[in-house]
Protein backbone atom coordinates (compact mmCIF):
# COMPACT_ATOMS: atom_id res chain seq x y z
CA MET A 1 107.81 70.48 92.91
CA LYS A 2 109.93 72.47 90.59
CA VAL A 3 109.09 76.01 89.78
CA ALA A 4 110.49 77.98 86.85
CA LEU A 5 110.75 81.65 87.80
CA VAL A 6 110.63 83.88 84.80
CA CYS A 7 111.82 87.49 84.52
CA ALA A 8 113.53 89.97 82.15
CA ASN A 9 115.98 92.70 81.49
CA GLU A 10 117.67 92.94 85.00
CA GLU A 11 118.45 91.04 88.13
CA SER A 12 115.33 90.72 90.23
CA LEU A 13 115.82 90.57 94.06
CA GLY A 14 112.12 89.58 94.34
CA VAL A 15 112.73 86.48 92.24
CA GLU A 16 115.80 85.57 94.16
CA TYR A 17 113.87 85.80 97.54
CA LEU A 18 111.07 83.63 96.08
CA SER A 19 113.64 81.02 94.92
CA ALA A 20 115.42 80.90 98.30
CA TYR A 21 112.04 80.73 100.18
CA LEU A 22 110.86 77.84 98.04
CA LYS A 23 114.12 76.06 98.30
CA SER A 24 114.08 76.39 102.11
CA HIS A 25 110.80 74.52 102.02
CA GLY A 26 111.98 71.59 99.86
CA HIS A 27 111.09 72.76 96.38
CA GLU A 28 113.31 73.09 93.37
CA THR A 29 113.65 76.22 91.24
CA CYS A 30 115.32 77.32 87.88
CA LEU A 31 115.50 80.64 86.06
CA LEU A 32 114.10 81.64 82.68
CA PHE A 33 115.70 84.95 82.04
CA ASP A 34 115.36 87.16 78.84
CA PRO A 35 118.10 89.93 78.78
CA PHE A 36 116.13 92.01 76.26
CA LEU A 37 118.96 92.08 74.00
CA LEU A 38 119.06 95.40 72.04
CA SER A 39 115.58 96.15 73.36
CA GLY A 40 116.11 97.32 76.85
CA ASN A 41 116.23 101.07 78.22
CA VAL A 42 120.00 101.56 77.59
CA LEU A 43 120.72 99.40 74.58
CA ASN A 44 117.72 99.85 72.38
CA VAL A 45 118.03 99.05 68.66
CA PRO A 46 114.60 98.06 67.38
CA PHE A 47 115.56 96.90 63.96
CA ALA A 48 118.09 94.55 65.45
CA ALA A 49 116.08 93.34 68.47
CA SER A 50 113.88 90.95 66.59
CA VAL A 51 116.99 88.97 65.44
CA CYS A 52 118.05 88.63 68.99
CA ASP A 53 114.65 87.34 70.17
CA TYR A 54 115.12 85.03 73.18
CA THR A 55 111.79 83.12 73.01
CA ASP A 56 113.14 79.88 71.28
CA TYR A 57 116.10 79.83 73.65
CA LEU A 58 113.63 80.05 76.75
CA ALA A 59 111.42 77.42 75.30
CA ASP A 60 114.46 75.17 74.98
CA ARG A 61 115.49 75.94 78.49
CA CYS A 62 111.98 75.09 79.73
CA ARG A 63 112.19 71.67 77.96
CA GLU A 64 115.50 71.05 79.62
CA GLU A 65 114.39 71.98 83.10
CA SER A 66 110.97 70.32 82.99
CA PRO A 67 109.32 72.56 85.55
CA ASP A 68 105.92 71.84 87.16
CA LEU A 69 104.93 75.50 87.45
CA LEU A 70 105.80 78.80 85.51
CA ALA A 71 105.94 81.84 87.85
CA PHE A 72 106.30 85.24 86.08
CA SER A 73 107.58 88.28 87.77
CA VAL A 74 105.77 91.21 85.80
CA ILE A 75 106.21 94.90 85.74
CA THR A 76 103.99 97.00 83.39
CA ASP A 77 106.86 97.69 81.05
CA GLN A 78 107.18 93.98 80.34
CA TYR A 79 103.49 92.94 80.45
CA GLY A 80 102.96 92.28 76.80
CA TRP A 81 106.36 90.24 76.60
CA ALA A 82 105.13 88.18 79.65
CA LEU A 83 101.73 87.26 78.05
CA GLU A 84 103.23 86.30 74.79
CA LEU A 85 105.96 84.04 76.38
CA ALA A 86 103.41 82.63 78.82
CA ALA A 87 101.11 81.80 75.93
CA ARG A 88 103.96 80.11 74.08
CA LEU A 89 105.24 78.04 76.97
CA LYS A 90 101.75 76.98 78.11
CA ARG A 91 100.70 75.96 74.56
CA GLN A 92 103.97 74.01 74.06
CA PHE A 93 104.40 72.35 77.61
CA ASN A 94 100.81 72.52 79.07
CA LEU A 95 102.12 74.02 82.40
CA PRO A 96 100.08 76.07 84.94
CA VAL A 97 101.09 79.76 85.01
CA VAL A 98 100.94 82.26 87.90
CA PHE A 99 101.72 85.96 87.40
CA GLY A 100 103.03 88.10 90.30
CA GLY A 101 104.71 91.52 90.61
CA ILE A 102 103.61 95.03 90.76
CA HIS A 103 101.69 95.03 87.53
CA PRO A 104 99.34 91.98 88.52
CA THR A 105 99.13 93.37 92.05
CA SER A 106 97.83 96.78 90.61
CA VAL A 107 95.18 95.23 88.28
CA PRO A 108 94.65 91.64 89.12
CA GLN A 109 91.08 91.49 87.85
CA TYR A 110 92.36 92.38 84.42
CA VAL A 111 95.42 90.14 84.30
CA ILE A 112 93.56 86.96 85.31
CA ARG A 113 91.29 87.37 82.35
CA HIS A 114 93.97 86.56 79.83
CA GLU A 115 94.06 82.94 78.77
CA PRO A 116 97.51 81.77 79.63
CA VAL A 117 97.30 83.15 83.16
CA ASP A 118 95.87 80.62 85.62
CA PHE A 119 96.57 82.33 88.83
CA VAL A 120 97.64 85.82 90.08
CA ILE A 121 99.49 86.51 93.29
CA THR A 122 99.23 90.01 94.64
CA GLY A 123 101.61 91.78 97.17
CA GLU A 124 104.46 90.00 98.88
CA GLY A 125 104.79 86.52 97.28
CA GLU A 126 106.89 84.13 99.37
CA GLU A 127 104.14 82.67 101.64
CA ALA A 128 101.47 82.79 98.87
CA LEU A 129 103.59 81.17 96.20
CA LEU A 130 104.60 78.44 98.67
CA GLU A 131 101.02 77.75 99.55
CA LEU A 132 100.03 77.50 95.85
CA THR A 133 102.84 75.12 95.08
CA TRP A 134 101.60 72.92 97.84
CA GLY A 135 98.01 73.15 96.61
CA LEU A 136 99.20 72.29 93.03
CA GLU A 137 101.40 69.40 94.19
CA THR A 138 98.48 67.86 96.14
CA GLY A 139 95.82 68.80 93.54
CA ARG A 140 93.82 70.93 96.11
CA VAL A 141 94.35 74.62 95.48
CA ASP A 142 92.49 76.63 97.96
CA ALA A 143 90.73 79.39 95.95
CA SER A 144 90.18 81.32 99.18
CA MET A 145 93.75 81.60 100.04
CA PRO A 146 94.99 85.19 100.81
CA ASN A 147 96.83 87.06 97.98
CA LEU A 148 95.37 84.70 95.26
CA TRP A 149 93.28 85.62 92.26
CA THR A 150 91.89 83.08 89.68
CA THR A 151 88.66 82.47 87.70
CA TRP A 152 85.43 80.80 88.63
CA ASN A 153 82.82 80.20 86.01
CA GLY A 154 84.74 82.52 83.83
CA LYS A 155 84.72 85.36 86.19
CA PRO A 156 87.72 86.74 88.17
CA VAL A 157 87.65 86.08 91.87
CA GLY A 158 90.27 87.21 94.29
CA ASN A 159 91.21 87.50 97.94
CA PRO A 160 92.83 90.30 100.06
CA PRO A 161 96.46 89.83 100.95
CA ARG A 162 97.67 88.11 104.10
CA ASP A 163 99.46 90.36 106.67
CA LEU A 164 102.98 91.57 105.88
CA ILE A 165 105.98 89.61 106.91
CA LYS A 166 107.11 91.34 110.16
CA ASP A 167 110.54 89.85 110.79
CA LEU A 168 112.55 90.26 107.56
CA ASP A 169 115.55 88.40 109.38
CA SER A 170 113.38 85.33 109.24
CA LEU A 171 113.70 85.08 105.48
CA PRO A 172 116.61 83.21 103.86
CA PHE A 173 119.17 85.26 101.92
CA PRO A 174 118.25 85.80 98.27
CA ASP A 175 119.18 82.95 95.93
CA LYS A 176 121.90 84.81 94.12
CA ASP A 177 123.30 81.57 92.34
CA LEU A 178 119.94 81.42 90.53
CA PHE A 179 120.81 84.62 88.69
CA TYR A 180 124.55 84.49 88.56
CA ARG A 181 124.54 81.00 86.86
CA GLU A 182 122.41 82.41 84.04
CA VAL A 183 123.88 85.88 83.64
CA ARG A 184 127.53 86.83 83.38
CA GLY A 185 129.21 90.23 83.59
CA VAL A 186 127.68 91.38 86.88
CA SER A 187 130.19 93.24 89.04
CA SER A 188 128.00 94.76 91.79
CA TYR A 189 126.24 92.74 94.43
CA THR A 190 122.63 93.95 94.88
CA VAL A 191 121.06 93.97 98.33
CA ILE A 192 118.02 95.52 100.06
CA VAL A 193 118.08 96.21 103.64
CA SER A 194 114.29 97.05 104.08
CA ARG A 195 110.92 96.56 102.51
CA GLY A 196 108.34 99.22 101.77
CA CYS A 197 109.00 102.84 101.83
CA LEU A 198 108.41 105.68 104.29
CA ASN A 199 106.96 107.81 101.38
CA ALA A 200 103.90 107.25 99.18
CA CYS A 201 104.74 109.40 96.14
CA SER A 202 101.79 109.68 93.76
CA TYR A 203 103.77 108.39 90.66
CA CYS A 204 105.33 105.38 92.56
CA HIS A 205 104.11 101.83 93.03
CA HIS A 206 104.63 102.26 96.76
CA SER A 207 101.38 104.37 96.84
CA ILE A 208 99.55 101.39 95.53
CA LEU A 209 101.05 98.98 98.08
CA HIS A 210 100.42 101.44 100.96
CA ARG A 211 96.76 101.18 100.07
CA LEU A 212 96.72 97.51 99.56
CA TYR A 213 98.29 96.70 103.02
CA GLU A 214 96.45 99.33 104.97
CA GLY A 215 95.63 97.76 108.35
CA ARG A 216 97.70 94.63 107.64
CA GLY A 217 100.91 95.44 109.46
CA GLN A 218 103.68 98.15 109.32
CA TYR A 219 104.46 98.68 105.67
CA PHE A 220 108.00 99.84 106.13
CA ARG A 221 110.20 97.36 107.84
CA CYS A 222 113.86 96.97 108.21
CA ARG A 223 116.42 94.08 108.56
CA SER A 224 118.80 94.01 111.32
CA VAL A 225 122.33 95.39 110.91
CA GLN A 226 123.87 92.03 111.59
CA ASN A 227 121.62 90.23 109.21
CA VAL A 228 122.71 92.64 106.34
CA ILE A 229 126.32 92.21 107.11
CA ASP A 230 126.13 88.52 107.21
CA GLU A 231 124.67 88.45 103.76
CA LEU A 232 127.23 90.99 102.44
CA ARG A 233 130.09 88.84 103.51
CA THR A 234 129.13 86.48 100.70
CA ALA A 235 129.52 89.25 98.08
CA LYS A 236 133.23 88.84 97.98
CA LEU A 237 132.77 85.05 97.45
CA TYR A 238 131.15 85.95 94.13
CA GLY A 239 134.14 88.26 93.14
CA MET A 240 132.00 91.42 93.23
CA ARG A 241 133.68 94.66 93.11
CA GLY A 242 131.00 96.84 94.57
CA VAL A 243 127.67 96.81 96.40
CA THR A 244 124.39 98.41 95.31
CA PHE A 245 121.88 99.22 98.06
CA ASP A 246 118.51 98.84 96.12
CA ASP A 247 116.29 100.48 98.85
CA SER A 248 114.14 103.41 97.80
CA SER A 249 115.88 105.47 100.17
CA PHE A 250 118.90 103.93 102.02
CA ILE A 251 119.17 106.51 104.71
CA PHE A 252 115.85 105.92 106.54
CA ASP A 253 117.09 105.68 110.13
CA MET A 254 120.21 107.44 111.50
CA ASP A 255 120.50 105.15 114.44
CA TRP A 256 120.55 102.09 112.11
CA LEU A 257 123.15 103.77 109.82
CA ARG A 258 125.43 104.71 112.77
CA GLU A 259 125.51 101.02 113.67
CA PHE A 260 125.79 99.72 110.18
CA ALA A 261 128.50 102.06 108.66
CA PRO A 262 131.47 101.14 110.78
CA LEU A 263 130.68 97.42 110.56
CA TYR A 264 130.27 97.58 106.79
CA ALA A 265 133.65 99.38 106.48
CA GLU A 266 135.39 96.78 108.69
CA GLN A 267 133.80 93.56 107.45
CA VAL A 268 132.81 94.36 103.81
CA GLY A 269 134.57 97.57 102.67
CA LEU A 270 133.51 97.34 98.92
CA PRO A 271 132.71 100.63 97.17
CA CYS A 272 128.89 101.07 97.30
CA PHE A 273 126.09 102.88 95.67
CA CYS A 274 122.73 103.92 97.09
CA TRP A 275 119.43 105.87 96.54
CA VAL A 276 118.89 108.76 98.82
CA TYR A 277 116.07 111.35 99.65
CA PRO A 278 117.19 115.00 99.77
CA SER A 279 116.04 115.53 103.34
CA SER A 280 118.25 112.60 104.50
CA ILE A 281 121.45 114.28 103.38
CA THR A 282 123.14 115.87 106.31
CA CYS A 283 126.81 116.44 107.46
CA GLU A 284 126.57 113.33 109.68
CA SER A 285 124.88 111.07 107.02
CA VAL A 286 127.42 112.02 104.44
CA ASP A 287 130.26 111.35 106.88
CA LEU A 288 128.87 107.77 107.30
CA LEU A 289 128.43 107.31 103.65
CA CYS A 290 132.05 108.17 103.23
CA LEU A 291 133.09 105.76 106.03
CA MET A 292 131.25 103.05 103.90
CA ASN A 293 133.27 103.90 100.92
CA CYS A 294 130.18 105.21 99.12
CA GLN A 295 131.25 106.32 95.59
CA CYS A 296 127.92 107.46 94.19
CA VAL A 297 124.38 108.22 95.19
CA ASN A 298 121.12 108.80 93.16
CA MET A 299 118.84 111.43 94.48
CA GLY A 300 115.22 111.65 93.43
CA VAL A 301 114.42 115.34 92.85
CA GLN A 302 111.68 114.86 90.14
CA THR A 303 110.78 118.66 89.68
CA MET A 304 112.09 122.03 90.71
CA ASN A 305 108.56 123.29 90.93
CA GLU A 306 107.93 123.15 94.72
CA ARG A 307 104.21 123.57 94.33
CA THR A 308 103.99 120.54 92.01
CA ARG A 309 106.28 118.53 94.19
CA ARG A 310 104.22 119.28 97.31
CA ASN A 311 100.67 119.07 96.01
CA TYR A 312 100.95 116.58 93.25
CA LEU A 313 103.91 114.26 94.18
CA HIS A 314 103.68 114.32 97.97
CA ARG A 315 107.33 115.07 98.37
CA PHE A 316 108.08 117.75 101.03
CA TYR A 317 111.43 119.45 100.67
CA SER A 318 112.70 122.77 99.37
CA ASN A 319 115.00 123.52 96.41
CA ASP A 320 117.35 125.09 98.91
CA LEU A 321 117.61 121.69 100.69
CA VAL A 322 118.32 120.02 97.25
CA ALA A 323 121.10 122.57 96.50
CA GLN A 324 122.54 121.90 100.04
CA SER A 325 122.49 118.24 99.60
CA ILE A 326 124.26 118.32 96.27
CA SER A 327 126.85 120.65 97.78
CA LEU A 328 127.40 118.30 100.78
CA LEU A 329 127.90 115.26 98.68
CA ARG A 330 130.12 116.87 96.12
CA GLN A 331 132.34 118.36 98.79
CA ARG A 332 133.05 114.80 99.97
CA GLU A 333 133.65 113.63 96.47
CA ILE A 334 130.55 111.41 96.33
CA LEU A 335 129.20 111.45 92.78
CA VAL A 336 125.66 112.70 92.60
CA LEU A 337 123.12 111.52 90.09
CA VAL A 338 119.64 113.20 90.13
CA ASP A 339 116.30 112.13 88.66
CA GLN A 340 113.86 114.42 87.04
CA ILE A 341 110.42 113.62 85.64
CA TRP A 342 109.03 115.64 82.71
CA GLY A 343 105.42 115.39 81.80
CA LEU A 344 104.11 116.01 85.25
CA PRO A 345 100.46 117.51 85.43
CA GLY A 346 100.49 121.19 85.03
CA GLU A 347 104.20 121.55 84.03
CA GLY A 348 105.60 122.64 80.72
CA ILE A 349 108.80 123.83 79.03
CA GLU A 350 109.22 126.70 81.29
CA ASP A 351 109.37 124.43 84.32
CA TYR A 352 112.01 122.20 82.47
CA THR A 353 114.13 125.26 81.61
CA GLU A 354 113.92 126.48 85.17
CA SER A 355 115.28 123.18 86.46
CA LEU A 356 118.14 123.33 84.18
CA TYR A 357 118.87 126.87 85.30
CA PHE A 358 118.97 125.44 88.87
CA TYR A 359 121.44 122.78 87.84
CA SER A 360 123.71 125.24 86.09
CA TYR A 361 124.31 126.64 89.51
CA HIS A 362 124.14 123.47 91.64
CA ARG A 363 125.67 120.81 89.39
CA PRO A 364 125.17 117.19 89.93
CA ASP A 365 127.45 114.64 88.11
CA LYS A 366 124.52 113.37 86.04
CA ILE A 367 120.95 114.21 85.34
CA PHE A 368 118.46 111.32 84.49
CA ILE A 369 115.40 112.70 82.83
CA PHE A 370 112.31 110.23 82.74
CA TYR A 371 109.13 111.09 80.85
CA LEU A 372 106.22 110.37 83.05
CA ARG A 373 104.56 107.04 82.46
CA HIS A 374 100.95 106.65 83.74
CA TYR A 375 100.98 103.18 85.29
CA PRO A 376 97.64 101.70 86.35
CA GLU A 377 95.87 102.75 89.55
CA LEU A 378 98.43 105.47 90.51
CA GLU A 379 97.09 108.55 92.21
CA ILE A 380 98.80 110.91 89.66
CA ASN A 381 96.47 109.56 86.95
CA GLN A 382 93.55 111.23 88.64
CA GLN A 383 95.62 114.29 89.17
CA ALA A 384 96.25 114.57 85.46
CA GLY A 385 92.46 114.93 85.09
CA PHE A 386 92.01 111.65 82.88
CA SER A 387 88.56 110.61 82.19
CA GLU A 388 87.27 107.18 83.26
CA THR A 389 87.65 105.91 79.71
CA LYS A 390 91.34 106.79 79.75
CA LEU A 391 91.86 105.32 83.18
CA GLU A 392 90.21 102.09 82.03
CA ALA A 393 92.52 102.01 78.84
CA ILE A 394 95.57 102.31 81.17
CA ARG A 395 94.32 99.31 83.20
CA GLN A 396 93.77 97.19 80.17
CA GLU A 397 96.97 98.19 78.18
CA ILE A 398 98.99 95.20 77.09
CA ALA A 399 101.82 96.51 74.77
CA SER A 400 105.35 96.41 76.36
CA ARG A 401 107.00 99.74 76.20
CA PRO A 402 109.76 101.52 78.19
CA PHE A 403 109.24 104.67 80.34
CA SER A 404 107.55 107.39 78.08
CA LEU A 405 105.22 110.24 77.83
CA ASP A 406 101.96 108.79 76.69
CA GLY A 407 103.91 106.35 74.39
CA ASP A 408 106.39 108.89 73.04
CA TYR A 409 109.66 110.54 74.06
CA GLY A 410 108.13 113.88 74.13
CA THR A 411 108.31 116.56 71.41
CA ALA A 412 111.50 117.41 69.39
CA GLU A 413 111.76 120.61 71.33
CA LEU A 414 111.81 118.68 74.64
CA ARG A 415 114.41 116.41 73.34
CA ARG A 416 116.62 119.31 72.21
CA LEU A 417 116.19 121.00 75.68
CA GLN A 418 117.22 117.73 77.32
CA CYS A 419 120.61 117.98 75.44
CA VAL A 420 121.43 120.88 77.57
CA THR A 421 122.14 118.24 80.35
CA LEU A 422 125.12 117.14 78.15
CA LEU A 423 126.33 120.84 77.96
CA LEU A 424 126.41 121.01 81.73
CA HIS A 425 129.40 118.59 81.69
CA PHE A 426 131.88 120.89 79.88
CA LEU A 427 130.41 124.42 79.65
CA PRO A 428 130.55 127.15 82.39
CA GLY A 429 127.34 127.82 84.05
CA TYR A 430 126.86 131.24 82.64
CA VAL A 431 127.22 129.82 79.10
CA VAL A 432 124.41 127.31 79.82
CA ARG A 433 122.19 130.00 81.19
CA LEU A 434 122.71 131.94 77.95
CA VAL A 435 121.83 129.01 75.92
CA LEU A 436 118.56 128.48 77.95
CA ARG A 437 117.73 132.27 77.99
CA TRP A 438 118.21 132.75 74.30
CA ARG A 439 116.73 129.31 73.57
CA LEU A 440 119.76 128.33 71.58
CA TYR A 441 119.02 124.73 72.54
CA ARG A 442 116.69 124.80 69.47
CA LEU A 443 119.88 124.43 67.34
CA LEU A 444 120.75 121.11 69.08
CA PRO A 445 119.82 117.74 67.54
CA ALA A 446 116.67 116.03 68.85
CA VAL A 447 118.52 113.08 70.31
CA ASN A 448 116.78 109.92 71.55
CA PRO A 449 117.00 109.78 75.35
CA THR A 450 118.74 106.50 75.37
CA GLY A 451 121.57 107.88 73.09
CA LEU A 452 121.73 111.03 75.12
CA SER A 453 122.19 109.07 78.33
CA VAL A 454 125.07 107.12 76.87
CA LEU A 455 126.68 110.23 75.51
CA SER A 456 126.28 112.12 78.83
CA THR A 457 127.95 109.22 80.74
CA LEU A 458 130.90 109.13 78.28
CA PHE A 459 131.37 112.82 78.50
CA LYS A 460 131.34 112.79 82.31
CA GLY A 461 133.25 109.46 82.54
CA ILE A 462 135.83 109.72 79.95
CA LEU A 463 136.44 113.53 79.04
CA MET A 464 136.01 114.83 82.61
CA GLY A 465 137.96 111.86 84.18
CA LYS A 466 135.07 110.84 86.33
CA TRP A 467 135.72 107.04 85.63
CA ARG A 468 133.41 105.80 88.46
CA ILE A 469 130.28 107.10 86.86
CA CYS A 470 130.99 104.90 83.94
CA SER A 471 129.93 101.95 86.15
CA VAL A 472 126.40 103.18 85.79
CA ILE A 473 126.18 101.67 82.22
CA SER A 474 129.41 99.73 81.85
CA ARG A 475 127.84 96.48 83.34
CA ARG A 476 124.96 96.34 80.91
CA PRO A 477 126.78 96.09 77.68
CA LEU A 478 129.00 93.35 79.21
CA LYS A 479 125.85 91.46 80.18
CA HIS A 480 124.56 91.87 76.65
CA VAL A 481 127.80 90.49 75.17
CA HIS A 482 127.40 87.31 77.35
CA ALA A 483 123.81 87.01 76.48
CA LEU A 484 124.46 87.40 72.87
CA ARG A 485 127.18 84.77 72.92
CA LYS A 486 124.83 82.33 74.57
CA LEU A 487 122.08 83.08 71.93
CA VAL A 488 124.51 82.61 69.03
CA THR A 489 125.61 79.26 70.57
CA PHE A 490 122.03 78.13 70.97
CA LYS A 491 121.13 79.06 67.35
CA ILE A 492 124.18 77.17 66.02
CA ARG A 493 123.27 74.16 68.02
CA GLN A 494 119.65 74.48 66.84
CA GLY A 495 120.70 74.73 63.18
CA LEU A 496 122.96 71.61 63.47
CA THR A 497 120.17 69.53 64.99
CA ARG A 498 117.35 70.57 62.74
CA THR A 499 115.90 67.91 60.37
CA ASP A 500 113.22 69.99 58.59
CA TYR A 501 115.40 71.24 55.66
């Protein structure tokens, strides 16, 4: 059976694992990938995005590949896009459609109600998707199979998930060729060394998966050191110039890291990037990161209000520990990117100002500010005091939109305050504190967060000579160039073969 895996915007390790698993059991796969030209989180030009719509190209690819099943990997931000594309392809090719990913996992009973969706797979999808393909191939889909949702007499019916995969080493390496054949301009090999997360932050999808898999095995699991090294040896074969560790927090076990770091340095050696948790940063862990040629880390801080962090987010560390972590990393010349969330329950402009005061003393290399998005079934939605009507609206929402604060990028005053992160790159700390104290930021332009992110990276990367931080966004424009060239070629070919004019 041939399965077309459908995803958008960025490389998906989940899709690559699904492809490898299906192939290891004798099935074929292909990729239908929409790069979201000029409509992503970094390059967002709404007036031009419609011109670069990929729907016709994907329909043409579907015709060429002739799959037997369309399998969509869906996050909430792309849910509307997925429904529209599924309806188009189903109408044109009459193929069965299955939705998987974190959004269908969160609200399967709502997703399965939509006409183009025949099946929903919740949670880890390898074994469930394989079982579904066997069922479709033989014409006998077992409606009671774990992880599966479908409809019966017009009503949603679903089953709890099967136990988690215990031995991650038993899985084949992700099918990187699936993605690299379709997308050019990728310079960093993305790998994940674990599944799950030791934390269950109230704003994060891991809190949903913790609840879903309660009693069904250990949620956080890790691959063996040698298994990861064996995969990373292939990164050089693809001509990669770096490695991205895509785990929620890379430093989860110091014994594992002590064994991994010297092997990575000896057998791989490529510059790397990872996400870290403030409490995992110690003198020893930073030394091991340096041994691995770690160039940059992203540290989730989210808020400088310790009470909010502890009571609302379930993140337990002090501001002093954040300051110490930034200092340790910068002393060893590892670039430090930090995440902040604005729009958390009970917080306002005073809290955001206080966080920028903190960063004027303890400077990271880049600050990413995200506006809180209330995804369905997250604990933080109840903490925000939403009514049942509001919670129901979140569950049923279809429109695709990026990270936002209730559909907007906050007020003009917040966008002006956010511009202070740009000033931190080239003004002394005491000047930044004067700007905050006298509220001089009100004189700054209310820049769109996307534009501000690009400007901030350019200031840090070019004006301050920190060339490595440019890699955070440099790959994306290159991927857009290749995708645009592919789309233009398709439209020219389409125009030359049309007979209806």
